[in-house]
PDB file of all heavy atoms in Angstrom:
ATOM      1  N   ARG A   1     126.236 102.122  67.937  1.00  0.00           N
ATOM      2  CA  ARG A   1     124.829 101.809  68.181  1.00  0.00           C
ATOM      3  C   ARG A   1     124.657 101.316  69.610  1.00  0.00           C
ATOM      4  O   ARG A   1     125.410 100.465  70.083  1.00  0.00           O
ATOM      5  CB  ARG A   1     124.333 100.729  67.216  1.00  0.00           C
ATOM      6  CG  ARG A   1     124.284 101.160  65.758  1.00  0.00           C
ATOM      7  CD  ARG A   1     124.093  99.955  64.844  1.00  0.00           C
ATOM      8  NE  ARG A   1     122.982  99.126  65.281  1.00  0.00           N
ATOM      9  CZ  ARG A   1     121.720  99.263  64.865  1.00  0.00           C
ATOM     10  NH1 ARG A   1     121.421 100.216  63.982  1.00  0.00           N
ATOM     11  NH2 ARG A   1     120.769  98.461  65.306  1.00  0.00           N
ATOM     12  N   ILE A   2     123.645 101.842  70.288  1.00  0.00           N
ATOM     13  CA  ILE A   2     123.360 101.430  71.670  1.00  0.00           C
ATOM     14  C   ILE A   2     121.909 100.928  71.699  1.00  0.00           C
ATOM     15  O   ILE A   2     120.966 101.730  71.819  1.00  0.00           O
ATOM     16  CB  ILE A   2     123.549 102.588  72.656  1.00  0.00           C
ATOM     17  CG1 ILE A   2     124.948 103.195  72.512  1.00  0.00           C
ATOM     18  CG2 ILE A   2     123.296 102.137  74.084  1.00  0.00           C
ATOM     19  CD1 ILE A   2     125.197 104.402  73.374  1.00  0.00           C
ATOM     20  N   PRO A   3     121.710  99.620  71.545  1.00  0.00           N
ATOM     21  CA  PRO A   3     120.332  99.094  71.589  1.00  0.00           C
ATOM     22  C   PRO A   3     119.722  99.272  72.973  1.00  0.00           C
ATOM     23  O   PRO A   3     120.408  99.193  73.995  1.00  0.00           O
ATOM     24  CB  PRO A   3     120.501  97.607  71.236  1.00  0.00           C
ATOM     25  CG  PRO A   3     121.862  97.495  70.630  1.00  0.00           C
ATOM     26  CD  PRO A   3     122.688  98.572  71.268  1.00  0.00           C
ATOM     27  N   ILE A   4     118.430  99.522  72.998  1.00  0.00           N
ATOM     28  CA  ILE A   4     117.681  99.704  74.245  1.00  0.00           C
ATOM     29  C   ILE A   4     116.654  98.583  74.342  1.00  0.00           C
ATOM     30  O   ILE A   4     115.873  98.363  73.406  1.00  0.00           O
ATOM     31  CB  ILE A   4     116.985 101.076  74.277  1.00  0.00           C
ATOM     32  CG1 ILE A   4     118.032 102.189  74.166  1.00  0.00           C
ATOM     33  CG2 ILE A   4     116.167 101.239  75.548  1.00  0.00           C
ATOM     34  CD1 ILE A   4     117.438 103.566  74.054  1.00  0.00           C
ATOM     35  N   GLN A   5     116.673  97.887  75.445  1.00  0.00           N
ATOM     36  CA  GLN A   5     115.723  96.793  75.649  1.00  0.00           C
ATOM     37  C   GLN A   5     114.297  97.342  75.733  1.00  0.00           C
ATOM     38  O   GLN A   5     114.009  98.251  76.512  1.00  0.00           O
ATOM     39  CB  GLN A   5     116.072  96.029  76.926  1.00  0.00           C
ATOM     40  CG  GLN A   5     115.182  94.827  77.179  1.00  0.00           C
ATOM     41  CD  GLN A   5     115.510  94.148  78.491  1.00  0.00           C
ATOM     42  OE1 GLN A   5     116.447  94.562  79.187  1.00  0.00           O
ATOM     43  NE2 GLN A   5     114.757  93.121  78.843  1.00  0.00           N
ATOM     44  N   VAL A   6     113.410  96.792  74.923  1.00  0.00           N
ATOM     45  CA  VAL A   6     112.023  97.264  74.836  1.00  0.00           C
ATOM     46  C   VAL A   6     111.090  96.067  74.928  1.00  0.00           C
ATOM     47  O   VAL A   6     111.335  95.015  74.330  1.00  0.00           O
ATOM     48  CB  VAL A   6     111.772  98.034  73.520  1.00  0.00           C
ATOM     49  CG1 VAL A   6     110.304  98.402  73.384  1.00  0.00           C
ATOM     50  CG2 VAL A   6     112.626  99.287  73.477  1.00  0.00           C
ATOM     51  N   ASP A   7     110.013  96.229  75.679  1.00  0.00           N
ATOM     52  CA  ASP A   7     108.977  95.210  75.805  1.00  0.00           C
ATOM     53  C   ASP A   7     107.687  95.756  75.186  1.00  0.00           C
ATOM     54  O   ASP A   7     107.313  96.915  75.426  1.00  0.00           O
ATOM     55  CB  ASP A   7     108.734  94.857  77.275  1.00  0.00           C
ATOM     56  CG  ASP A   7     107.659  93.800  77.433  1.00  0.00           C
ATOM     57  OD1 ASP A   7     107.942  92.625  77.143  1.00  0.00           O
ATOM     58  OD2 ASP A   7     106.527  94.156  77.836  1.00  0.00           O
ATOM     59  N   ASN A   8     107.013  94.930  74.372  1.00  0.00           N
ATOM     60  CA  ASN A   8     105.818  95.348  73.652  1.00  0.00           C
ATOM     61  C   ASN A   8     104.530  94.774  74.251  1.00  0.00           C
ATOM     62  O   ASN A   8     103.536  94.634  73.535  1.00  0.00           O
ATOM     63  CB  ASN A   8     105.919  94.939  72.183  1.00  0.00           C
ATOM     64  CG  ASN A   8     107.039  95.641  71.455  1.00  0.00           C
ATOM     65  OD1 ASN A   8     107.290  96.821  71.693  1.00  0.00           O
ATOM     66  ND2 ASN A   8     107.734  94.934  70.585  1.00  0.00           N
ATOM     67  N   THR A   9     104.551  94.441  75.524  1.00  0.00           N
ATOM     68  CA  THR A   9     103.332  93.927  76.148  1.00  0.00           C
ATOM     69  C   THR A   9     102.227  94.987  76.114  1.00  0.00           C
ATOM     70  O   THR A   9     102.432  96.102  76.582  1.00  0.00           O
ATOM     71  CB  THR A   9     103.603  93.528  77.604  1.00  0.00           C
ATOM     72  OG1 THR A   9     104.643  92.562  77.652  1.00  0.00           O
ATOM     73  CG2 THR A   9     102.346  92.961  78.256  1.00  0.00           C
ATOM     74  N   PRO A  10     101.056  94.660  75.554  1.00  0.00           N
ATOM     75  CA  PRO A  10      99.973  95.661  75.497  1.00  0.00           C
ATOM     76  C   PRO A  10      99.510  96.058  76.895  1.00  0.00           C
ATOM     77  O   PRO A  10      99.624  95.290  77.857  1.00  0.00           O
ATOM     78  CB  PRO A  10      98.869  94.947  74.716  1.00  0.00           C
ATOM     79  CG  PRO A  10      99.540  93.811  74.010  1.00  0.00           C
ATOM     80  CD  PRO A  10     100.676  93.403  74.887  1.00  0.00           C
ATOM     81  N   LEU A  11      98.995  97.256  76.979  1.00  0.00           N
ATOM     82  CA  LEU A  11      98.469  97.778  78.232  1.00  0.00           C
ATOM     83  C   LEU A  11      96.973  97.500  78.301  1.00  0.00           C
ATOM     84  O   LEU A  11      96.209  97.988  77.447  1.00  0.00           O
ATOM     85  CB  LEU A  11      98.733  99.275  78.339  1.00  0.00           C
ATOM     86  CG  LEU A  11      98.122 100.002  79.547  1.00  0.00           C
ATOM     87  CD1 LEU A  11      98.675  99.430  80.845  1.00  0.00           C
ATOM     88  CD2 LEU A  11      98.385 101.488  79.463  1.00  0.00           C
ATOM     89  N   ARG A  12      96.562  96.727  79.287  1.00  0.00           N
ATOM     90  CA  ARG A  12      95.147  96.383  79.457  1.00  0.00           C
ATOM     91  C   ARG A  12      94.620  97.062  80.717  1.00  0.00           C
ATOM     92  O   ARG A  12      95.226  96.972  81.789  1.00  0.00           O
ATOM     93  CB  ARG A  12      94.948  94.880  79.563  1.00  0.00           C
ATOM     94  CG  ARG A  12      93.474  94.455  79.583  1.00  0.00           C
ATOM     95  CD  ARG A  12      93.338  92.953  79.559  1.00  0.00           C
ATOM     96  NE  ARG A  12      91.939  92.545  79.387  1.00  0.00           N
ATOM     97  CZ  ARG A  12      91.531  91.272  79.340  1.00  0.00           C
ATOM     98  NH1 ARG A  12      92.416  90.283  79.444  1.00  0.00           N
ATOM     99  NH2 ARG A  12      90.245  90.994  79.170  1.00  0.00           N
ATOM    100  N   ILE A  13      93.475  97.727  80.562  1.00  0.00           N
ATOM    101  CA  ILE A  13      92.869  98.489  81.667  1.00  0.00           C
ATOM    102  C   ILE A  13      91.408  98.091  81.761  1.00  0.00           C
ATOM    103  O   ILE A  13      90.668  98.133  80.770  1.00  0.00           O
ATOM    104  CB  ILE A  13      93.001 100.008  81.447  1.00  0.00           C
ATOM    105  CG1 ILE A  13      94.473 100.394  81.335  1.00  0.00           C
ATOM    106  CG2 ILE A  13      92.327 100.783  82.554  1.00  0.00           C
ATOM    107  CD1 ILE A  13      94.693 101.841  80.966  1.00  0.00           C
ATOM    108  N   ARG A  14      90.980  97.697  82.968  1.00  0.00           N
ATOM    109  CA  ARG A  14      89.597  97.299  83.214  1.00  0.00           C
ATOM    110  C   ARG A  14      89.061  98.075  84.418  1.00  0.00           C
ATOM    111  O   ARG A  14      89.812  98.463  85.310  1.00  0.00           O
ATOM    112  CB  ARG A  14      89.491  95.800  83.493  1.00  0.00           C
ATOM    113  CG  ARG A  14      89.838  94.915  82.303  1.00  0.00           C
ATOM    114  CD  ARG A  14      89.909  93.455  82.695  1.00  0.00           C
ATOM    115  NE  ARG A  14      88.665  92.984  83.296  1.00  0.00           N
ATOM    116  CZ  ARG A  14      87.634  92.511  82.616  1.00  0.00           C
ATOM    117  NH1 ARG A  14      87.699  92.427  81.288  1.00  0.00           N
ATOM    118  NH2 ARG A  14      86.534  92.101  83.240  1.00  0.00           N
ATOM    119  N   GLY A  15      87.749  98.295  84.427  1.00  0.00           N
ATOM    120  CA  GLY A  15      87.133  98.990  85.550  1.00  0.00           C
ATOM    121  C   GLY A  15      85.648  99.158  85.325  1.00  0.00           C
ATOM    122  O   GLY A  15      85.117  98.899  84.227  1.00  0.00           O
ATOM    123  N   LEU A  16      84.941  99.576  86.384  1.00  0.00           N
ATOM    124  CA  LEU A  16      83.509  99.804  86.284  1.00  0.00           C
ATOM    125  C   LEU A  16      83.215 101.081  85.516  1.00  0.00           C
ATOM    126  O   LEU A  16      83.942 102.067  85.619  1.00  0.00           O
ATOM    127  CB  LEU A  16      82.885  99.887  87.679  1.00  0.00           C
ATOM    128  CG  LEU A  16      82.808  98.581  88.482  1.00  0.00           C
ATOM    129  CD1 LEU A  16      82.230  98.834  89.859  1.00  0.00           C
ATOM    130  CD2 LEU A  16      81.975  97.536  87.738  1.00  0.00           C
ATOM    131  N   VAL A  17      82.118 101.044  84.750  1.00  0.00           N
ATOM    132  CA  VAL A  17      81.731 102.218  83.955  1.00  0.00           C
ATOM    133  C   VAL A  17      81.370 103.378  84.861  1.00  0.00           C
ATOM    134  O   VAL A  17      81.813 104.512  84.659  1.00  0.00           O
ATOM    135  CB  VAL A  17      80.564 101.855  83.016  1.00  0.00           C
ATOM    136  CG1 VAL A  17      80.031 103.101  82.327  1.00  0.00           C
ATOM    137  CG2 VAL A  17      81.010 100.822  81.996  1.00  0.00           C
ATOM    138  N   GLY A  18      80.551 103.136  85.894  1.00  0.00           N
ATOM    139  CA  GLY A  18      80.160 104.193  86.816  1.00  0.00           C
ATOM    140  C   GLY A  18      79.272 105.227  86.151  1.00  0.00           C
ATOM    141  O   GLY A  18      78.579 104.963  85.149  1.00  0.00           O
ATOM    142  N   SER A  19      79.295 106.436  86.682  1.00  0.00           N
ATOM    143  CA  SER A  19      78.442 107.503  86.155  1.00  0.00           C
ATOM    144  C   SER A  19      78.971 108.058  84.834  1.00  0.00           C
ATOM    145  O   SER A  19      78.208 108.615  84.048  1.00  0.00           O
ATOM    146  CB  SER A  19      78.339 108.642  87.170  1.00  0.00           C
ATOM    147  OG  SER A  19      79.641 109.161  87.474  1.00  0.00           O
ATOM    148  N   SER A  20      80.267 107.935  84.571  1.00  0.00           N
ATOM    149  CA  SER A  20      80.855 108.439  83.330  1.00  0.00           C
ATOM    150  C   SER A  20      81.933 107.469  82.872  1.00  0.00           C
ATOM    151  O   SER A  20      82.900 107.225  83.597  1.00  0.00           O
ATOM    152  CB  SER A  20      81.464 109.835  83.544  1.00  0.00           C
ATOM    153  OG  SER A  20      82.191 110.245  82.409  1.00  0.00           O
ATOM    154  N   LEU A  21      81.748 106.908  81.681  1.00  0.00           N
ATOM    155  CA  LEU A  21      82.723 105.960  81.162  1.00  0.00           C
ATOM    156  C   LEU A  21      84.068 106.639  80.907  1.00  0.00           C
ATOM    157  O   LEU A  21      85.131 106.070  81.195  1.00  0.00           O
ATOM    158  CB  LEU A  21      82.188 105.338  79.862  1.00  0.00           C
ATOM    159  CG  LEU A  21      83.123 104.353  79.134  1.00  0.00           C
ATOM    160  CD1 LEU A  21      83.561 103.235  80.063  1.00  0.00           C
ATOM    161  CD2 LEU A  21      82.426 103.781  77.903  1.00  0.00           C
ATOM    162  N   TYR A  22      84.042 107.865  80.398  1.00  0.00           N
ATOM    163  CA  TYR A  22      85.292 108.574  80.113  1.00  0.00           C
ATOM    164  C   TYR A  22      86.074 108.849  81.395  1.00  0.00           C
ATOM    165  O   TYR A  22      87.273 108.564  81.487  1.00  0.00           O
ATOM    166  CB  TYR A  22      84.989 109.882  79.384  1.00  0.00           C
ATOM    167  CG  TYR A  22      86.229 110.682  79.043  1.00  0.00           C
ATOM    168  CD1 TYR A  22      86.960 110.420  77.893  1.00  0.00           C
ATOM    169  CD2 TYR A  22      86.672 111.701  79.887  1.00  0.00           C
ATOM    170  CE1 TYR A  22      88.093 111.146  77.590  1.00  0.00           C
ATOM    171  CE2 TYR A  22      87.816 112.434  79.580  1.00  0.00           C
ATOM    172  CZ  TYR A  22      88.515 112.146  78.427  1.00  0.00           C
ATOM    173  OH  TYR A  22      89.648 112.861  78.149  1.00  0.00           O
ATOM    174  N   ARG A  23      85.385 109.405  82.421  1.00  0.00           N
ATOM    175  CA  ARG A  23      86.096 109.728  83.666  1.00  0.00           C
ATOM    176  C   ARG A  23      86.586 108.464  84.370  1.00  0.00           C
ATOM    177  O   ARG A  23      87.669 108.465  84.966  1.00  0.00           O
ATOM    178  CB  ARG A  23      85.185 110.540  84.577  1.00  0.00           C
ATOM    179  CG  ARG A  23      84.951 111.962  84.112  1.00  0.00           C
ATOM    180  CD  ARG A  23      84.388 112.825  85.230  1.00  0.00           C
ATOM    181  NE  ARG A  23      83.052 112.394  85.599  1.00  0.00           N
ATOM    182  CZ  ARG A  23      81.936 112.902  85.097  1.00  0.00           C
ATOM    183  NH1 ARG A  23      82.001 113.855  84.189  1.00  0.00           N
ATOM    184  NH2 ARG A  23      80.754 112.467  85.488  1.00  0.00           N
ATOM    185  N   SER A  24      85.799 107.391  84.318  1.00  0.00           N
ATOM    186  CA  SER A  24      86.211 106.151  84.971  1.00  0.00           C
ATOM    187  C   SER A  24      87.448 105.568  84.294  1.00  0.00           C
ATOM    188  O   SER A  24      88.374 105.101  84.966  1.00  0.00           O
ATOM    189  CB  SER A  24      85.064 105.139  84.950  1.00  0.00           C
ATOM    190  OG  SER A  24      83.931 105.641  85.645  1.00  0.00           O
ATOM    191  N   ALA A  25      87.464 105.595  82.953  1.00  0.00           N
ATOM    192  CA  ALA A  25      88.619 105.062  82.232  1.00  0.00           C
ATOM    193  C   ALA A  25      89.863 105.910  82.473  1.00  0.00           C
ATOM    194  O   ALA A  25      90.965 105.381  82.641  1.00  0.00           O
ATOM    195  CB  ALA A  25      88.309 104.979  80.736  1.00  0.00           C
ATOM    196  N   ARG A  26      89.704 107.222  82.514  1.00  0.00           N
ATOM    197  CA  ARG A  26      90.843 108.096  82.776  1.00  0.00           C
ATOM    198  C   ARG A  26      91.364 107.897  84.200  1.00  0.00           C
ATOM    199  O   ARG A  26      92.574 107.901  84.435  1.00  0.00           O
ATOM    200  CB  ARG A  26      90.462 109.557  82.545  1.00  0.00           C
ATOM    201  CG  ARG A  26      90.196 109.919  81.105  1.00  0.00           C
ATOM    202  CD  ARG A  26      91.464 109.996  80.291  1.00  0.00           C
ATOM    203  NE  ARG A  26      92.264 111.135  80.669  1.00  0.00           N
ATOM    204  CZ  ARG A  26      93.572 111.124  80.832  1.00  0.00           C
ATOM    205  NH1 ARG A  26      94.226 109.990  80.678  1.00  0.00           N
ATOM    206  NH2 ARG A  26      94.234 112.210  81.148  1.00  0.00           N
ATOM    207  N   ALA A  27      90.433 107.731  85.149  1.00  0.00           N
ATOM    208  CA  ALA A  27      90.856 107.506  86.532  1.00  0.00           C
ATOM    209  C   ALA A  27      91.575 106.170  86.687  1.00  0.00           C
ATOM    210  O   ALA A  27      92.425 106.019  87.569  1.00  0.00           O
ATOM    211  CB  ALA A  27      89.637 107.561  87.458  1.00  0.00           C
ATOM    212  N   ALA A  28      91.255 105.207  85.830  1.00  0.00           N
ATOM    213  CA  ALA A  28      91.911 103.902  85.888  1.00  0.00           C
ATOM    214  C   ALA A  28      93.289 103.928  85.254  1.00  0.00           C
ATOM    215  O   ALA A  28      94.031 102.941  85.353  1.00  0.00           O
ATOM    216  CB  ALA A  28      91.043 102.843  85.212  1.00  0.00           C
TER     217      ALA A  28
END
């Protein structure tokens, strides 16, 4: 067995909505 070190810190992403919420979130 070869354990692999893993971190479970959630990924948080913030940004301005702009003209398109989907495109802004993807760009972030």
